C-alpha cells in the first residue's frame, strides 16, 4: 500500500496544512475586486474557526507521525 501504515496521518497533515494556509492567505490578501455575489473579505469568525481546526488536525497528524 502507498506509504504503508502512515497514509492517514499524511493525508490529515496535508488537509490541516491546507486549511491553515488557505484561510490565513485569504485573510491576509483578500481579492482586489469582488465579483457579483462574492464578499469583499472572508468572514473573520469562520476563517479563524477553520484555521484552528486545521492547526489542531495538522498538529495531531504530526504527533502521530513522530510517535509512531
PDB file of N, CA and C in Angstrom:
ATOM      1  N   UNK A   1       0.840  -1.177   0.000  1.00  0.00           N
ATOM      2  CA  UNK A   1       0.000   0.000   0.000  1.00  0.00           C
ATOM      3  C   UNK A   1       0.898   1.259   0.000  1.00  0.00           C
ATOM      4  N   UNK A   2       0.427   2.290  -0.620  1.00  0.00           N
ATOM      5  CA  UNK A   2       1.180   3.538  -0.721  1.00  0.00           C
ATOM      6  C   UNK A   2       1.428   4.136   0.659  1.00  0.00           C
ATOM      7  N   UNK A   3       2.654   4.396   0.995  1.00  0.00           N
ATOM      8  CA  UNK A   3       3.100   4.977   2.265  1.00  0.00           C
ATOM      9  C   UNK A   3       2.826   4.085   3.473  1.00  0.00           C
ATOM     10  N   UNK A   4       2.424   2.877   3.293  1.00  0.00           N
ATOM     11  CA  UNK A   4       2.250   1.925   4.385  1.00  0.00           C
ATOM     12  C   UNK A   4       1.177   2.336   5.372  1.00  0.00           C
ATOM     13  N   UNK A   5       1.491   2.174   6.645  1.00  0.00           N
ATOM     14  CA  UNK A   5       0.519   2.464   7.699  1.00  0.00           C
ATOM     15  C   UNK A   5       0.382   3.954   7.986  1.00  0.00           C
ATOM     16  N   UNK A   6       1.219   4.784   7.384  1.00  0.00           N
ATOM     17  CA  UNK A   6       1.212   6.216   7.666  1.00  0.00           C
ATOM     18  C   UNK A   6       0.387   7.035   6.676  1.00  0.00           C
ATOM     19  N   UNK A   7      -0.413   6.405   5.873  1.00  0.00           N
ATOM     20  CA  UNK A   7      -1.168   7.128   4.854  1.00  0.00           C
ATOM     21  C   UNK A   7      -2.155   8.114   5.476  1.00  0.00           C
ATOM     22  N   UNK A   8      -2.931   7.690   6.449  1.00  0.00           N
ATOM     23  CA  UNK A   8      -3.932   8.565   7.052  1.00  0.00           C
ATOM     24  C   UNK A   8      -3.302   9.775   7.746  1.00  0.00           C
ATOM     25  N   UNK A   9      -2.256   9.600   8.554  1.00  0.00           N
ATOM     26  CA  UNK A   9      -1.642  10.809   9.139  1.00  0.00           C
ATOM     27  C   UNK A   9      -1.081  11.775   8.095  1.00  0.00           C
ATOM     28  N   UNK A  10      -0.510  11.253   7.014  1.00  0.00           N
ATOM     29  CA  UNK A  10      -0.011  12.142   5.959  1.00  0.00           C
ATOM     30  C   UNK A  10      -1.163  12.908   5.292  1.00  0.00           C
ATOM     31  N   UNK A  11      -2.268  12.232   5.049  1.00  0.00           N
ATOM     32  CA  UNK A  11      -3.424  12.901   4.448  1.00  0.00           C
ATOM     33  C   UNK A  11      -4.000  13.961   5.388  1.00  0.00           C
ATOM     34  N   UNK A  12      -4.067  13.645   6.679  1.00  0.00           N
ATOM     35  CA  UNK A  12      -4.572  14.619   7.645  1.00  0.00           C
ATOM     36  C   UNK A  12      -3.629  15.801   7.798  1.00  0.00           C
ATOM     37  N   UNK A  13      -2.332  15.549   7.730  1.00  0.00           N
ATOM     38  CA  UNK A  13      -1.359  16.639   7.782  1.00  0.00           C
ATOM     39  C   UNK A  13      -1.523  17.558   6.578  1.00  0.00           C
ATOM     40  N   UNK A  14      -1.721  16.986   5.409  1.00  0.00           N
ATOM     41  CA  UNK A  14      -1.922  17.793   4.200  1.00  0.00           C
ATOM     42  C   UNK A  14      -3.227  18.579   4.268  1.00  0.00           C
ATOM     43  N   UNK A  15      -4.289  17.950   4.733  1.00  0.00           N
ATOM     44  CA  UNK A  15      -5.582  18.630   4.834  1.00  0.00           C
ATOM     45  C   UNK A  15      -5.537  19.759   5.856  1.00  0.00           C
ATOM     46  N   UNK A  16      -4.961  19.486   7.020  1.00  0.00           N
ATOM     47  CA  UNK A  16      -4.855  20.521   8.050  1.00  0.00           C
ATOM     48  C   UNK A  16      -3.985  21.676   7.604  1.00  0.00           C
ATOM     49  N   UNK A  17      -2.869  21.363   6.971  1.00  0.00           N
ATOM     50  CA  UNK A  17      -1.994  22.417   6.475  1.00  0.00           C
ATOM     51  C   UNK A  17      -2.660  23.266   5.409  1.00  0.00           C
ATOM     52  N   UNK A  18      -3.434  22.627   4.551  1.00  0.00           N
ATOM     53  CA  UNK A  18      -4.145  23.376   3.504  1.00  0.00           C
ATOM     54  C   UNK A  18      -5.217  24.284   4.114  1.00  0.00           C
ATOM     55  N   UNK A  19      -5.900  23.803   5.140  1.00  0.00           N
ATOM     56  CA  UNK A  19      -6.902  24.645   5.809  1.00  0.00           C
ATOM     57  C   UNK A  19      -6.257  25.881   6.428  1.00  0.00           C
ATOM     58  N   UNK A  20      -5.151  25.678   7.123  1.00  0.00           N
ATOM     59  CA  UNK A  20      -4.469  26.804   7.758  1.00  0.00           C
ATOM     60  C   UNK A  20      -3.936  27.764   6.704  1.00  0.00           C
ATOM     61  N   UNK A  21      -3.193  27.246   5.753  1.00  0.00           N
ATOM     62  CA  UNK A  21      -2.556  28.092   4.742  1.00  0.00           C
ATOM     63  C   UNK A  21      -3.587  28.867   3.919  1.00  0.00           C
ATOM     64  N   UNK A  22      -4.620  28.193   3.474  1.00  0.00           N
ATOM     65  CA  UNK A  22      -5.624  28.836   2.631  1.00  0.00           C
ATOM     66  C   UNK A  22      -6.388  29.933   3.341  1.00  0.00           C
ATOM     67  N   UNK A  23      -6.771  29.685   4.580  1.00  0.00           N
ATOM     68  CA  UNK A  23      -7.536  30.686   5.314  1.00  0.00           C
ATOM     69  C   UNK A  23      -6.677  31.857   5.768  1.00  0.00           C
ATOM     70  N   UNK A  24      -5.430  31.607   6.157  1.00  0.00           N
ATOM     71  CA  UNK A  24      -4.535  32.710   6.514  1.00  0.00           C
ATOM     72  C   UNK A  24      -4.273  33.571   5.284  1.00  0.00           C
ATOM     73  N   UNK A  25      -4.057  32.937   4.153  1.00  0.00           N
ATOM     74  CA  UNK A  25      -3.818  33.681   2.923  1.00  0.00           C
ATOM     75  C   UNK A  25      -5.054  34.484   2.507  1.00  0.00           C
ATOM     76  N   UNK A  26      -6.241  33.919   2.683  1.00  0.00           N
ATOM     77  CA  UNK A  26      -7.472  34.638   2.340  1.00  0.00           C
ATOM     78  C   UNK A  26      -7.669  35.854   3.236  1.00  0.00           C
ATOM     79  N   UNK A  27      -7.279  35.740   4.504  1.00  0.00           N
ATOM     80  CA  UNK A  27      -7.400  36.889   5.405  1.00  0.00           C
ATOM     81  C   UNK A  27      -6.320  37.937   5.118  1.00  0.00           C
ATOM     82  N   UNK A  28      -5.129  37.485   4.771  1.00  0.00           N
ATOM     83  CA  UNK A  28      -4.024  38.419   4.547  1.00  0.00           C
ATOM     84  C   UNK A  28      -4.165  39.162   3.221  1.00  0.00           C
ATOM     85  N   UNK A  29      -4.628  38.453   2.187  1.00  0.00           N
ATOM     86  CA  UNK A  29      -4.745  39.070   0.865  1.00  0.00           C
ATOM     87  C   UNK A  29      -6.128  38.810   0.280  1.00  0.00           C
ATOM     88  N   UNK A  30      -7.129  39.573   0.694  1.00  0.00           N
ATOM     89  CA  UNK A  30      -8.451  39.389   0.086  1.00  0.00           C
ATOM     90  C   UNK A  30      -8.416  39.813  -1.383  1.00  0.00           C
ATOM     91  N   UNK A  31      -9.386  39.359  -2.175  1.00  0.00           N
ATOM     92  CA  UNK A  31      -9.390  39.740  -3.595  1.00  0.00           C
ATOM     93  C   UNK A  31      -9.503  41.259  -3.760  1.00  0.00           C
ATOM     94  N   UNK A  32      -8.856  41.760  -4.783  1.00  0.00           N
ATOM     95  CA  UNK A  32      -8.890  43.208  -5.018  1.00  0.00           C
ATOM     96  C   UNK A  32     -10.273  43.673  -5.419  1.00  0.00           C
ATOM     97  N   UNK A  33     -10.923  42.915  -6.278  1.00  0.00           N
ATOM     98  CA  UNK A  33     -12.263  43.278  -6.739  1.00  0.00           C
ATOM     99  C   UNK A  33     -13.190  42.098  -6.498  1.00  0.00           C
ATOM    100  N   UNK A  34     -14.282  42.343  -5.780  1.00  0.00           N
ATOM    101  CA  UNK A  34     -15.252  41.280  -5.531  1.00  0.00           C
ATOM    102  C   UNK A  34     -16.152  41.128  -6.762  1.00  0.00           C
ATOM    103  N   UNK A  35     -16.337  39.889  -7.179  1.00  0.00           N
ATOM    104  CA  UNK A  35     -17.247  39.621  -8.296  1.00  0.00           C
ATOM    105  C   UNK A  35     -18.686  39.651  -7.796  1.00  0.00           C
ATOM    106  N   UNK A  36     -19.629  39.555  -8.700  1.00  0.00           N
ATOM    107  CA  UNK A  36     -21.034  39.572  -8.312  1.00  0.00           C
ATOM    108  C   UNK A  36     -21.336  38.399  -7.387  1.00  0.00           C
ATOM    109  N   UNK A  37     -21.929  38.686  -6.235  1.00  0.00           N
ATOM    110  CA  UNK A  37     -22.299  37.655  -5.284  1.00  0.00           C
ATOM    111  C   UNK A  37     -21.190  37.263  -4.327  1.00  0.00           C
ATOM    112  N   UNK A  38     -19.973  37.744  -4.526  1.00  0.00           N
ATOM    113  CA  UNK A  38     -18.857  37.440  -3.633  1.00  0.00           C
ATOM    114  C   UNK A  38     -18.761  38.488  -2.533  1.00  0.00           C
ATOM    115  N   UNK A  39     -18.220  38.079  -1.407  1.00  0.00           N
ATOM    116  CA  UNK A  39     -17.984  39.012  -0.316  1.00  0.00           C
ATOM    117  C   UNK A  39     -16.678  39.761  -0.556  1.00  0.00           C
ATOM    118  N   UNK A  40     -16.570  41.008  -0.122  1.00  0.00           N
ATOM    119  CA  UNK A  40     -15.313  41.743  -0.311  1.00  0.00           C
ATOM    120  C   UNK A  40     -14.171  41.169   0.527  1.00  0.00           C
ATOM    121  N   UNK A  41     -14.484  40.624   1.692  1.00  0.00           N
ATOM    122  CA  UNK A  41     -13.498  39.979   2.573  1.00  0.00           C
ATOM    123  C   UNK A  41     -14.100  38.690   3.106  1.00  0.00           C
ATOM    124  N   UNK A  42     -13.266  37.710   3.413  1.00  0.00           N
ATOM    125  CA  UNK A  42     -13.803  36.484   4.014  1.00  0.00           C
ATOM    126  C   UNK A  42     -14.282  36.770   5.440  1.00  0.00           C
ATOM    127  N   UNK A  43     -15.320  36.071   5.896  1.00  0.00           N
ATOM    128  CA  UNK A  43     -15.800  36.277   7.268  1.00  0.00           C
ATOM    129  C   UNK A  43     -14.710  35.904   8.285  1.00  0.00           C
ATOM    130  N   UNK A  44     -14.428  36.805   9.215  1.00  0.00           N
ATOM    131  CA  UNK A  44     -13.338  36.611  10.169  1.00  0.00           C
ATOM    132  C   UNK A  44     -13.601  35.425  11.096  1.00  0.00           C
ATOM    133  N   UNK A  45     -14.803  35.315  11.623  1.00  0.00           N
ATOM    134  CA  UNK A  45     -15.116  34.239  12.555  1.00  0.00           C
ATOM    135  C   UNK A  45     -14.960  32.863  11.937  1.00  0.00           C
ATOM    136  N   UNK A  46     -15.519  32.686  10.750  1.00  0.00           N
ATOM    137  CA  UNK A  46     -15.422  31.399  10.065  1.00  0.00           C
ATOM    138  C   UNK A  46     -13.978  31.068   9.714  1.00  0.00           C
ATOM    139  N   UNK A  47     -13.231  32.063   9.293  1.00  0.00           N
ATOM    140  CA  UNK A  47     -11.834  31.834   8.929  1.00  0.00           C
ATOM    141  C   UNK A  47     -10.997  31.427  10.137  1.00  0.00           C
ATOM    142  N   UNK A  48     -11.226  32.074  11.270  1.00  0.00           N
ATOM    143  CA  UNK A  48     -10.482  31.730  12.483  1.00  0.00           C
ATOM    144  C   UNK A  48     -10.823  30.319  12.938  1.00  0.00           C
ATOM    145  N   UNK A  49     -12.103  29.939  12.865  1.00  0.00           N
ATOM    146  CA  UNK A  49     -12.504  28.581  13.240  1.00  0.00           C
ATOM    147  C   UNK A  49     -11.836  27.562  12.330  1.00  0.00           C
ATOM    148  N   UNK A  50     -11.807  27.824  11.037  1.00  0.00           N
ATOM    149  CA  UNK A  50     -11.161  26.901  10.099  1.00  0.00           C
ATOM    150  C   UNK A  50      -9.655  26.825  10.324  1.00  0.00           C
ATOM    151  N   UNK A  51      -9.025  27.946  10.668  1.00  0.00           N
ATOM    152  CA  UNK A  51      -7.591  27.940  10.972  1.00  0.00           C
ATOM    153  C   UNK A  51      -7.318  27.084  12.205  1.00  0.00           C
ATOM    154  N   UNK A  52      -8.138  27.230  13.233  1.00  0.00           N
ATOM    155  CA  UNK A  52      -7.952  26.445  14.457  1.00  0.00           C
ATOM    156  C   UNK A  52      -8.163  24.958  14.182  1.00  0.00           C
ATOM    157  N   UNK A  53      -9.210  24.615  13.428  1.00  0.00           N
ATOM    158  CA  UNK A  53      -9.459  23.204  13.090  1.00  0.00           C
ATOM    159  C   UNK A  53      -8.291  22.630  12.290  1.00  0.00           C
ATOM    160  N   UNK A  54      -7.807  23.368  11.322  1.00  0.00           N
ATOM    161  CA  UNK A  54      -6.681  22.911  10.521  1.00  0.00           C
ATOM    162  C   UNK A  54      -5.412  22.771  11.330  1.00  0.00           C
ATOM    163  N   UNK A  55      -5.174  23.701  12.257  1.00  0.00           N
ATOM    164  CA  UNK A  55      -3.990  23.642  13.096  1.00  0.00           C
ATOM    165  C   UNK A  55      -4.025  22.439  14.034  1.00  0.00           C
ATOM    166  N   UNK A  56      -5.179  22.194  14.640  1.00  0.00           N
ATOM    167  CA  UNK A  56      -5.317  21.022  15.520  1.00  0.00           C
ATOM    168  C   UNK A  56      -5.123  19.735  14.724  1.00  0.00           C
ATOM    169  N   UNK A  57      -5.708  19.664  13.550  1.00  0.00           N
ATOM    170  CA  UNK A  57      -5.566  18.476  12.711  1.00  0.00           C
ATOM    171  C   UNK A  57      -4.111  18.253  12.302  1.00  0.00           C
ATOM    172  N   UNK A  58      -3.428  19.305  11.895  1.00  0.00           N
ATOM    173  CA  UNK A  58      -2.036  19.174  11.472  1.00  0.00           C
ATOM    174  C   UNK A  58      -1.131  18.781  12.633  1.00  0.00           C
ATOM    175  N   UNK A  59      -1.345  19.374  13.804  1.00  0.00           N
ATOM    176  CA  UNK A  59      -0.532  19.037  14.970  1.00  0.00           C
ATOM    177  C   UNK A  59      -0.772  17.592  15.389  1.00  0.00           C
ATOM    178  N   UNK A  60      -2.030  17.169  15.371  1.00  0.00           N
ATOM    179  CA  UNK A  60      -2.365  15.796  15.736  1.00  0.00           C
ATOM    180  C   UNK A  60      -1.708  14.805  14.760  1.00  0.00           C
ATOM    181  N   UNK A  61      -1.781  15.107  13.476  1.00  0.00           N
ATOM    182  CA  UNK A  61      -1.184  14.225  12.470  1.00  0.00           C
ATOM    183  C   UNK A  61       0.338  14.192  12.621  1.00  0.00           C
ATOM    184  N   UNK A  62       0.940  15.342  12.865  1.00  0.00           N
ATOM    185  CA  UNK A  62       2.386  15.390  13.046  1.00  0.00           C
ATOM    186  C   UNK A  62       2.808  14.609  14.286  1.00  0.00           C
ATOM    187  N   UNK A  63       2.047  14.732  15.364  1.00  0.00           N
ATOM    188  CA  UNK A  63       2.342  13.967  16.578  1.00  0.00           C
ATOM    189  C   UNK A  63       2.199  12.466  16.324  1.00  0.00           C
ATOM    190  N   UNK A  64       1.209  12.084  15.531  1.00  0.00           N
ATOM    191  CA  UNK A  64       1.030  10.661  15.204  1.00  0.00           C
ATOM    192  C   UNK A  64       2.196  10.138  14.373  1.00  0.00           C
ATOM    193  N   UNK A  65       2.704  10.954  13.468  1.00  0.00           N
ATOM    194  CA  UNK A  65       3.833  10.526  12.649  1.00  0.00           C
ATOM    195  C   UNK A  65       5.123  10.434  13.460  1.00  0.00           C
ATOM    196  N   UNK A  66       5.322  11.363  14.375  1.00  0.00           N
ATOM    197  CA  UNK A  66       6.542  11.378  15.171  1.00  0.00           C
ATOM    198  C   UNK A  66       6.543  10.243  16.190  1.00  0.00           C
ATOM    199  N   UNK A  67       5.406  10.007  16.841  1.00  0.00           N
ATOM    200  CA  UNK A  67       5.355   8.996  17.893  1.00  0.00           C
ATOM    201  C   UNK A  67       5.283   7.574  17.333  1.00  0.00           C
ATOM    202  N   UNK A  68       4.834   7.428  16.110  1.00  0.00           N
ATOM    203  CA  UNK A  68       4.636   6.098  15.561  1.00  0.00           C
ATOM    204  C   UNK A  68       5.759   5.678  14.758  1.00  0.00           C
TER     205      UNK A  68
END
